């Protein structure tokens, strides 16, 4: 029986070693994402949202270091049905996972796309890296057909090479074949098949004239179109989990709505689960089934979207929702007193206690545990310590 969760993080801790000191960016963050839902991770800028998912995917760069915790992934495959611990795997293994079973849409499409490559080639790279076996089988079937044009005398040789590639894409004989002048272009058919698949997925995203777009360069496209191409790259291999890191934050309101509608539609047809990182509570209310609220490197509350918006439990979540402008705003906007703490020297106990209107002595010395205060509603706050 398949596991009900797609990914679990327990006590995830990440530090950054800087000249100013050690930045405690994540402090024992634990969250669970069930299969088939859209999970929103929200909070102020710098609260640790992106660091959380980058730690889960093991793409933290220097001077960052994952200090501890567990990340367990449960894909829908027989080989990994019982789940796999990601932090203990090799980097080579993780490279096979990224872009295949877990994909990520980054915040800035201009940084994610190569300006001197056709966008179709950039989408095709996912197939060239993760789908060489299936593409080799498809090409092998085509070569069986006498209608397929082949350079005279090489049909049998190409069939042998693609038969090997269908079983073992990294076989030494294939690397050797690239060095032989008459054989070094044997992969052209695979590149052509990858580009065909790339054009197909660009079309599935509702982009008009997909072939023309696939042959274009990033500078020829609008911001919204470039974001769609980044989504196409992430969706190329039909991942089990799609991570959207502020995927709409740099787009205008109209294009943002189009991208969100696209993600909701893809959720029905292409994607099993989505982890959406955002600071926009409106986006969360519209698209997410469940929400985790972060503050200063800690997860302070987690609940289904509707209960969290109606009856938030953590003082930070309450203050965050109260500070959102209302449609009929009267008077000044509410703000949260104080400032975000310096994570080189974070406060002892609860990291929100210097700004909390309900602060108690215990809050200044003891870190609150993330506990279930209501059914399916967890909160890390000493106000609820009596609840078991």
Protein backbone atom coordinates (compact mmCIF):
# COMPACT_ATOMS: atom_id res chain seq x y z
CA UNK A 1 0.00 0.00 0.00
CA UNK A 2 1.34 3.43 -0.97
CA UNK A 3 2.33 5.82 1.80
CA UNK A 4 -0.11 8.70 2.41
CA UNK A 5 2.68 11.32 2.55
CA UNK A 6 4.85 12.47 -0.32
CA UNK A 7 7.65 13.96 1.82
CA UNK A 8 8.43 14.36 5.52
CA UNK A 9 11.03 16.62 7.14
CA UNK A 10 11.94 16.12 10.80
CA UNK A 11 14.11 18.42 12.93
CA UNK A 12 15.73 19.94 9.83
CA UNK A 13 18.53 22.27 10.94
CA UNK A 14 20.65 24.42 8.61
CA UNK A 15 23.34 26.97 9.48
CA UNK A 16 25.29 29.48 7.39
CA UNK A 17 28.88 30.16 8.41
CA UNK A 18 29.57 33.85 7.69
CA UNK A 19 32.17 36.40 8.78
CA UNK A 20 29.61 37.92 11.15
CA UNK A 21 29.00 34.57 12.81
CA UNK A 22 26.90 31.43 12.42
CA UNK A 23 23.44 32.21 11.05
CA UNK A 24 20.94 29.73 12.54
CA UNK A 25 18.71 29.81 9.46
CA UNK A 26 16.64 26.71 10.30
CA UNK A 27 16.01 25.44 13.82
CA UNK A 28 14.58 21.89 13.93
CA UNK A 29 11.87 22.43 11.31
CA UNK A 30 9.43 19.53 10.91
CA UNK A 31 6.69 19.41 8.30
CA UNK A 32 4.71 16.75 6.43
CA UNK A 33 3.14 17.03 2.99
CA UNK A 34 0.44 14.54 2.04
CA UNK A 35 0.05 13.20 -1.48
CA UNK A 36 -2.42 14.98 -3.71
CA UNK A 37 -2.46 18.36 -1.93
CA UNK A 38 -1.04 21.84 -2.46
CA UNK A 39 0.93 22.84 0.64
CA UNK A 40 1.73 26.52 1.18
CA UNK A 41 4.78 27.66 3.16
CA UNK A 42 4.38 31.31 4.17
CA UNK A 43 6.16 33.92 6.24
CA UNK A 44 8.12 37.17 6.02
CA UNK A 45 11.13 37.53 3.74
CA UNK A 46 14.15 35.87 5.34
CA UNK A 47 12.11 33.57 7.62
CA UNK A 48 13.62 30.39 6.09
CA UNK A 49 11.04 29.27 3.52
CA UNK A 50 13.48 28.87 0.63
CA UNK A 51 16.19 27.49 2.91
CA UNK A 52 13.75 24.80 4.04
CA UNK A 53 13.03 23.48 0.56
CA UNK A 54 16.63 23.88 -0.59
CA UNK A 55 17.69 21.83 2.42
CA UNK A 56 15.10 19.20 1.56
CA UNK A 57 16.48 19.01 -1.99
CA UNK A 58 20.09 19.28 -0.79
CA UNK A 59 20.96 22.31 -2.91
CA UNK A 60 22.23 24.48 -0.05
CA UNK A 61 25.37 26.26 -1.25
CA UNK A 62 28.40 27.40 0.71
CA UNK A 63 28.66 28.79 3.31
CA UNK A 64 25.48 26.91 4.23
CA UNK A 65 25.49 23.48 5.82
CA UNK A 66 22.71 21.07 6.81
CA UNK A 67 23.52 20.31 10.43
CA UNK A 68 20.93 17.65 11.16
CA UNK A 69 17.49 16.21 10.72
CA UNK A 70 15.80 13.80 8.34
CA UNK A 71 14.04 14.18 4.98
CA UNK A 72 12.07 11.15 3.85
CA UNK A 73 10.56 10.96 0.36
CA UNK A 74 7.76 8.57 -0.66
CA UNK A 75 7.40 8.43 -4.47
CA UNK A 76 4.84 6.25 -6.25
CA UNK A 77 7.34 3.64 -7.41
CA UNK A 78 7.71 0.01 -6.37
CA UNK A 79 11.45 0.45 -5.85
CA UNK A 80 10.97 3.27 -3.31
CA UNK A 81 7.48 2.52 -1.97
CA UNK A 82 8.74 2.39 1.64
CA UNK A 83 10.37 5.78 1.28
CA UNK A 84 13.96 6.91 1.03
CA UNK A 85 16.06 9.08 3.35
CA UNK A 86 17.40 11.91 1.16
CA UNK A 87 20.06 13.37 3.47
CA UNK A 88 21.98 10.08 3.49
CA UNK A 89 22.05 9.65 -0.30
CA UNK A 90 25.01 10.48 -2.57
CA UNK A 91 25.03 13.62 -4.68
CA UNK A 92 24.91 11.50 -7.87
CA UNK A 93 21.74 9.81 -6.59
CA UNK A 94 20.19 13.20 -5.76
CA UNK A 95 20.96 14.50 -9.25
CA UNK A 96 18.92 11.63 -10.67
CA UNK A 97 16.06 12.55 -8.32
CA UNK A 98 16.02 16.29 -8.98
CA UNK A 99 14.09 17.18 -12.09
CA UNK A 100 12.67 13.66 -12.25
CA UNK A 101 10.74 12.81 -9.07
CA UNK A 102 11.04 16.27 -7.49
CA UNK A 103 11.16 19.44 -9.62
CA UNK A 104 11.48 23.08 -8.65
CA UNK A 105 10.27 26.34 -10.20
CA UNK A 106 12.62 29.11 -9.17
CA UNK A 107 11.66 32.68 -8.37
CA UNK A 108 13.50 34.45 -11.19
CA UNK A 109 13.05 32.95 -14.69
CA UNK A 110 15.82 35.11 -16.15
CA UNK A 111 18.29 33.47 -13.78
CA UNK A 112 16.89 29.99 -14.41
CA UNK A 113 17.13 30.17 -18.21
CA UNK A 114 20.30 30.19 -20.33
CA UNK A 115 20.20 33.30 -22.53
CA UNK A 116 22.18 31.72 -25.40
CA UNK A 117 20.17 28.48 -25.73
CA UNK A 118 16.84 27.97 -27.46
CA UNK A 119 14.14 27.45 -24.86
CA UNK A 120 13.17 24.15 -26.50
CA UNK A 121 16.70 22.85 -25.99
CA UNK A 122 16.54 23.86 -22.32
CA UNK A 123 13.31 21.93 -21.80
CA UNK A 124 14.79 19.02 -23.79
CA UNK A 125 17.74 18.79 -21.36
CA UNK A 126 15.41 17.23 -18.78
CA UNK A 127 14.57 14.42 -21.19
CA UNK A 128 18.23 13.98 -22.18
CA UNK A 129 19.21 13.59 -18.54
CA UNK A 130 16.29 11.57 -17.13
CA UNK A 131 14.52 9.87 -20.04
CA UNK A 132 17.24 8.42 -22.27
CA UNK A 133 15.96 4.88 -21.77
CA UNK A 134 12.39 5.61 -22.88
CA UNK A 135 13.56 7.78 -25.79
CA UNK A 136 15.97 5.05 -26.93
CA UNK A 137 13.10 2.54 -26.95
CA UNK A 138 10.98 4.92 -29.04
CA UNK A 139 13.81 5.50 -31.55
CA UNK A 140 14.47 1.75 -31.70
CA UNK A 141 10.84 1.20 -32.69
CA UNK A 142 11.20 3.86 -35.39
CA UNK A 143 14.36 2.22 -36.73
CA UNK A 144 12.50 -1.05 -37.05
CA UNK A 145 10.35 0.68 -39.63
CA UNK A 146 11.91 0.65 -43.10
CA UNK A 147 10.27 4.04 -43.75
CA UNK A 148 12.69 5.74 -41.38
CA UNK A 149 15.54 7.31 -43.34
CA UNK A 150 18.98 6.16 -42.20
CA UNK A 151 22.47 6.76 -43.59
CA UNK A 152 23.26 3.75 -45.85
CA UNK A 153 24.78 0.81 -44.02
CA UNK A 154 24.27 2.18 -40.47
CA UNK A 155 20.71 1.03 -39.65
CA UNK A 156 21.85 -2.18 -37.92
CA UNK A 157 24.64 -0.36 -36.08
CA UNK A 158 22.32 2.39 -34.86
CA UNK A 159 19.77 -0.20 -33.73
CA UNK A 160 22.48 -1.90 -31.66
CA UNK A 161 23.57 1.38 -30.08
CA UNK A 162 20.02 2.42 -29.17
CA UNK A 163 19.29 -1.10 -27.86
CA UNK A 164 22.26 -0.69 -25.50
CA UNK A 165 21.09 2.82 -24.54
CA UNK A 166 17.59 1.49 -23.77
CA UNK A 167 19.12 -0.84 -21.18
CA UNK A 168 22.06 1.23 -19.91
CA UNK A 169 22.31 4.88 -21.09
CA UNK A 170 25.73 5.29 -19.43
CA UNK A 171 27.34 2.17 -20.94
CA UNK A 172 31.07 2.69 -21.76
CA UNK A 173 30.54 1.55 -25.38
CA UNK A 174 28.22 4.52 -25.96
CA UNK A 175 30.84 6.97 -24.73
CA UNK A 176 33.34 5.24 -27.03
CA UNK A 177 30.96 5.54 -29.98
CA UNK A 178 31.06 9.33 -29.67
CA UNK A 179 34.80 9.23 -30.44
CA UNK A 180 34.39 7.36 -33.74
CA UNK A 181 33.86 9.89 -36.60
CA UNK A 182 31.15 7.91 -38.42
CA UNK A 183 29.32 7.19 -35.13
CA UNK A 184 29.83 10.33 -33.08
CA UNK A 185 26.54 11.81 -34.30
CA UNK A 186 24.49 8.74 -33.37
CA UNK A 187 22.71 10.72 -30.63
CA UNK A 188 21.19 13.18 -33.09
CA UNK A 189 18.02 11.11 -33.21
CA UNK A 190 17.77 11.24 -29.41
CA UNK A 191 18.26 15.00 -29.36
CA UNK A 192 15.59 15.35 -32.04
CA UNK A 193 13.19 13.19 -30.00
CA UNK A 194 13.92 15.22 -26.85
CA UNK A 195 13.20 18.47 -28.72
CA UNK A 196 9.95 16.98 -30.05
CA UNK A 197 8.87 16.09 -26.52
CA UNK A 198 9.89 19.56 -25.30
CA UNK A 199 7.74 21.19 -28.00
CA UNK A 200 4.85 18.93 -27.02
CA UNK A 201 4.94 19.89 -23.34
CA UNK A 202 5.24 23.60 -24.21
CA UNK A 203 2.05 23.18 -26.22
CA UNK A 204 0.32 21.39 -23.33
CA UNK A 205 0.88 24.47 -21.17
CA UNK A 206 -1.46 26.41 -23.44
CA UNK A 207 1.29 28.33 -25.26
CA UNK A 208 0.29 29.29 -28.79
CA UNK A 209 2.61 28.25 -31.64
CA UNK A 210 4.73 25.93 -29.45
CA UNK A 211 7.18 25.07 -32.24
CA UNK A 212 8.03 28.73 -32.82
CA UNK A 213 8.38 29.33 -29.07
CA UNK A 214 10.61 26.25 -28.67
CA UNK A 215 12.94 27.64 -31.34
CA UNK A 216 13.05 31.08 -29.66
CA UNK A 217 15.60 32.43 -27.17
CA UNK A 218 14.65 33.75 -23.70
CA UNK A 219 15.11 37.41 -24.71
CA UNK A 220 12.38 36.94 -27.35
CA UNK A 221 9.78 36.06 -24.69
CA UNK A 222 7.78 38.05 -22.15
CA UNK A 223 8.17 37.55 -18.40
CA UNK A 224 5.02 35.45 -18.17
CA UNK A 225 6.07 33.33 -21.15
CA UNK A 226 9.52 32.74 -19.61
CA UNK A 227 7.89 31.61 -16.38
CA UNK A 228 5.81 29.14 -18.39
CA UNK A 229 9.01 27.77 -19.94
CA UNK A 230 10.50 27.32 -16.46
CA UNK A 231 7.33 25.43 -15.50
CA UNK A 232 7.69 23.31 -18.65
CA UNK A 233 11.25 22.38 -17.61
CA UNK A 234 10.00 21.41 -14.14
CA UNK A 235 7.11 19.35 -15.53
CA UNK A 236 9.04 17.62 -18.33
CA UNK A 237 9.42 14.33 -16.45
CA UNK A 238 6.06 14.48 -14.62
CA UNK A 239 7.43 14.79 -11.07
CA UNK A 240 5.70 13.40 -7.98
CA UNK A 241 6.35 16.70 -6.16
CA UNK A 242 6.57 20.17 -7.69
CA UNK A 243 8.14 22.93 -5.58
CA UNK A 244 7.21 26.49 -6.61
CA UNK A 245 9.57 28.98 -4.94
CA UNK A 246 7.88 32.41 -5.18
CA UNK A 247 6.93 31.43 -8.75
CA UNK A 248 4.68 34.48 -9.28
CA UNK A 249 6.27 37.16 -7.10
CA UNK A 250 8.00 39.05 -9.94
CA UNK A 251 5.03 39.01 -12.33
CA UNK A 252 2.30 41.59 -12.75
CA UNK A 253 -1.12 40.82 -11.30
CA UNK A 254 -2.70 39.66 -14.58
CA UNK A 255 0.13 37.29 -15.47
CA UNK A 256 0.29 36.09 -11.85
CA UNK A 257 -3.36 35.07 -12.02
CA UNK A 258 -2.70 33.22 -15.30
CA UNK A 259 0.23 31.30 -13.80
CA UNK A 260 -1.78 30.37 -10.69
CA UNK A 261 -4.67 29.17 -12.87
CA UNK A 262 -2.16 27.14 -14.89
CA UNK A 263 -0.74 25.50 -11.76
CA UNK A 264 -4.24 24.63 -10.52
CA UNK A 265 -5.08 23.08 -13.88
CA UNK A 266 -1.80 21.14 -13.98
CA UNK A 267 -2.54 19.89 -10.48
CA UNK A 268 -5.57 18.09 -11.91
CA UNK A 269 -3.74 16.51 -14.85
CA UNK A 270 0.05 16.45 -14.48
CA UNK A 271 1.22 16.86 -10.86
CA UNK A 272 0.57 14.76 -7.77
CA UNK A 273 1.54 17.30 -5.09
CA UNK A 274 2.71 20.92 -4.94
CA UNK A 275 4.78 22.73 -2.30
CA UNK A 276 4.24 26.46 -2.82
CA UNK A 277 6.54 28.97 -1.15
CA UNK A 278 5.16 32.49 -0.94
CA UNK A 279 4.76 35.53 1.26
CA UNK A 280 1.43 36.36 -0.40
CA UNK A 281 -1.43 35.20 1.82
CA UNK A 282 -3.90 35.84 -0.98
CA UNK A 283 -2.13 33.28 -3.15
CA UNK A 284 -2.23 30.79 -0.29
CA UNK A 285 -5.95 31.31 0.34
CA UNK A 286 -6.70 30.78 -3.35
CA UNK A 287 -4.51 27.80 -4.16
CA UNK A 288 -3.42 25.83 -1.06
CA UNK A 289 -5.10 23.00 0.82
CA UNK A 290 -2.79 23.21 3.84
CA UNK A 291 -0.46 25.89 5.21
CA UNK A 292 2.71 26.07 7.26
CA UNK A 293 3.65 29.43 8.81
CA UNK A 294 7.34 30.14 9.40
CA UNK A 295 9.01 32.74 11.61
CA UNK A 296 12.76 33.31 12.02
CA UNK A 297 13.77 29.82 10.92
CA UNK A 298 11.06 27.94 12.84
CA UNK A 299 7.69 26.46 11.88
CA UNK A 300 5.22 28.04 14.29
CA UNK A 301 1.88 26.78 12.96
CA UNK A 302 0.51 24.23 10.48
CA UNK A 303 -3.13 23.63 9.58
CA UNK A 304 -5.63 23.27 6.76
CA UNK A 305 -6.09 26.58 4.96
CA UNK A 306 -9.63 27.46 6.00
CA UNK A 307 -9.21 26.80 9.75
CA UNK A 308 -5.90 28.67 9.81
CA UNK A 309 -7.37 31.77 8.20
CA UNK A 310 -10.53 31.67 10.34
CA UNK A 311 -9.03 30.81 13.73
CA UNK A 312 -5.22 31.21 13.78
CA UNK A 313 -3.69 30.03 17.04
CA UNK A 314 -0.12 31.31 17.09
CA UNK A 315 0.29 35.00 18.05
CA UNK A 316 2.54 35.54 15.01
CA UNK A 317 -0.03 34.06 12.61
CA UNK A 318 -2.72 36.21 14.21
CA UNK A 319 -0.59 39.34 13.82
CA UNK A 320 0.38 38.42 10.26
CA UNK A 321 -3.24 38.01 9.17
CA UNK A 322 -4.27 41.18 11.01
CA UNK A 323 -1.66 43.18 9.07
CA UNK A 324 -3.09 42.23 5.66
CA UNK A 325 -4.93 45.20 4.04
CA UNK A 326 -8.69 44.71 3.98
CA UNK A 327 -10.95 45.45 1.01
CA UNK A 328 -12.72 48.15 3.05
CA UNK A 329 -9.73 49.34 5.07
CA UNK A 330 -10.48 51.87 7.80
CA UNK A 331 -7.77 53.68 9.68
CA UNK A 332 -4.09 52.76 9.70
CA UNK A 333 -2.80 49.34 8.78
CA UNK A 334 -1.90 47.16 11.73
CA UNK A 335 1.75 46.24 12.13
CA UNK A 336 3.74 43.78 14.20
CA UNK A 337 5.69 45.55 16.94
CA UNK A 338 9.45 45.09 17.07
CA UNK A 339 11.81 43.74 14.43
CA UNK A 340 12.80 40.35 13.04
CA UNK A 341 15.63 38.92 15.19
CA UNK A 342 19.23 38.62 14.05
CA UNK A 343 19.66 34.87 13.49
CA UNK A 344 23.35 35.06 14.34
CA UNK A 345 22.15 35.68 17.91
CA UNK A 346 18.51 34.52 17.94
CA UNK A 347 16.44 34.97 21.12
CA UNK A 348 16.46 32.14 23.63
CA UNK A 349 13.24 30.16 23.95
CA UNK A 350 10.55 31.10 21.47
CA UNK A 351 12.04 33.25 18.72
CA UNK A 352 8.88 35.36 18.55
CA UNK A 353 8.75 36.21 22.26
CA UNK A 354 10.35 39.71 22.00
CA UNK A 355 7.43 40.77 19.77
CA UNK A 356 4.63 38.68 21.31
CA UNK A 357 1.78 40.44 23.18
CA UNK A 358 1.16 37.27 25.25
CA UNK A 359 4.77 36.61 26.29
CA UNK A 360 5.32 34.61 29.52
CA UNK A 361 8.50 33.84 31.45
CA UNK A 362 8.65 30.32 30.01
CA UNK A 363 8.69 31.78 26.48
CA UNK A 364 12.05 33.45 27.22
CA UNK A 365 13.88 30.25 28.13
CA UNK A 366 12.18 27.21 26.60
CA UNK A 367 11.58 26.47 22.91
CA UNK A 368 7.90 25.51 22.41
CA UNK A 369 7.17 22.17 20.75
CA UNK A 370 5.02 21.92 17.63
CA UNK A 371 1.97 20.13 19.03
CA UNK A 372 -1.60 19.39 17.99
CA UNK A 373 -3.82 21.97 19.69
CA UNK A 374 -6.86 21.08 17.60
CA UNK A 375 -7.58 18.17 15.27
CA UNK A 376 -5.15 18.40 12.34
CA UNK A 377 -3.97 21.81 13.60
CA UNK A 378 -0.46 22.08 15.06
CA UNK A 379 1.05 25.08 16.83
CA UNK A 380 4.36 25.82 18.58
CA UNK A 381 3.32 28.08 21.46
CA UNK A 382 3.45 27.77 25.27
CA UNK A 383 -0.11 29.13 25.44
CA UNK A 384 -1.23 25.63 24.43
CA UNK A 385 1.11 23.55 26.61
CA UNK A 386 -1.82 22.22 28.66
CA UNK A 387 -3.31 20.62 25.54
CA UNK A 388 -2.15 17.04 25.10
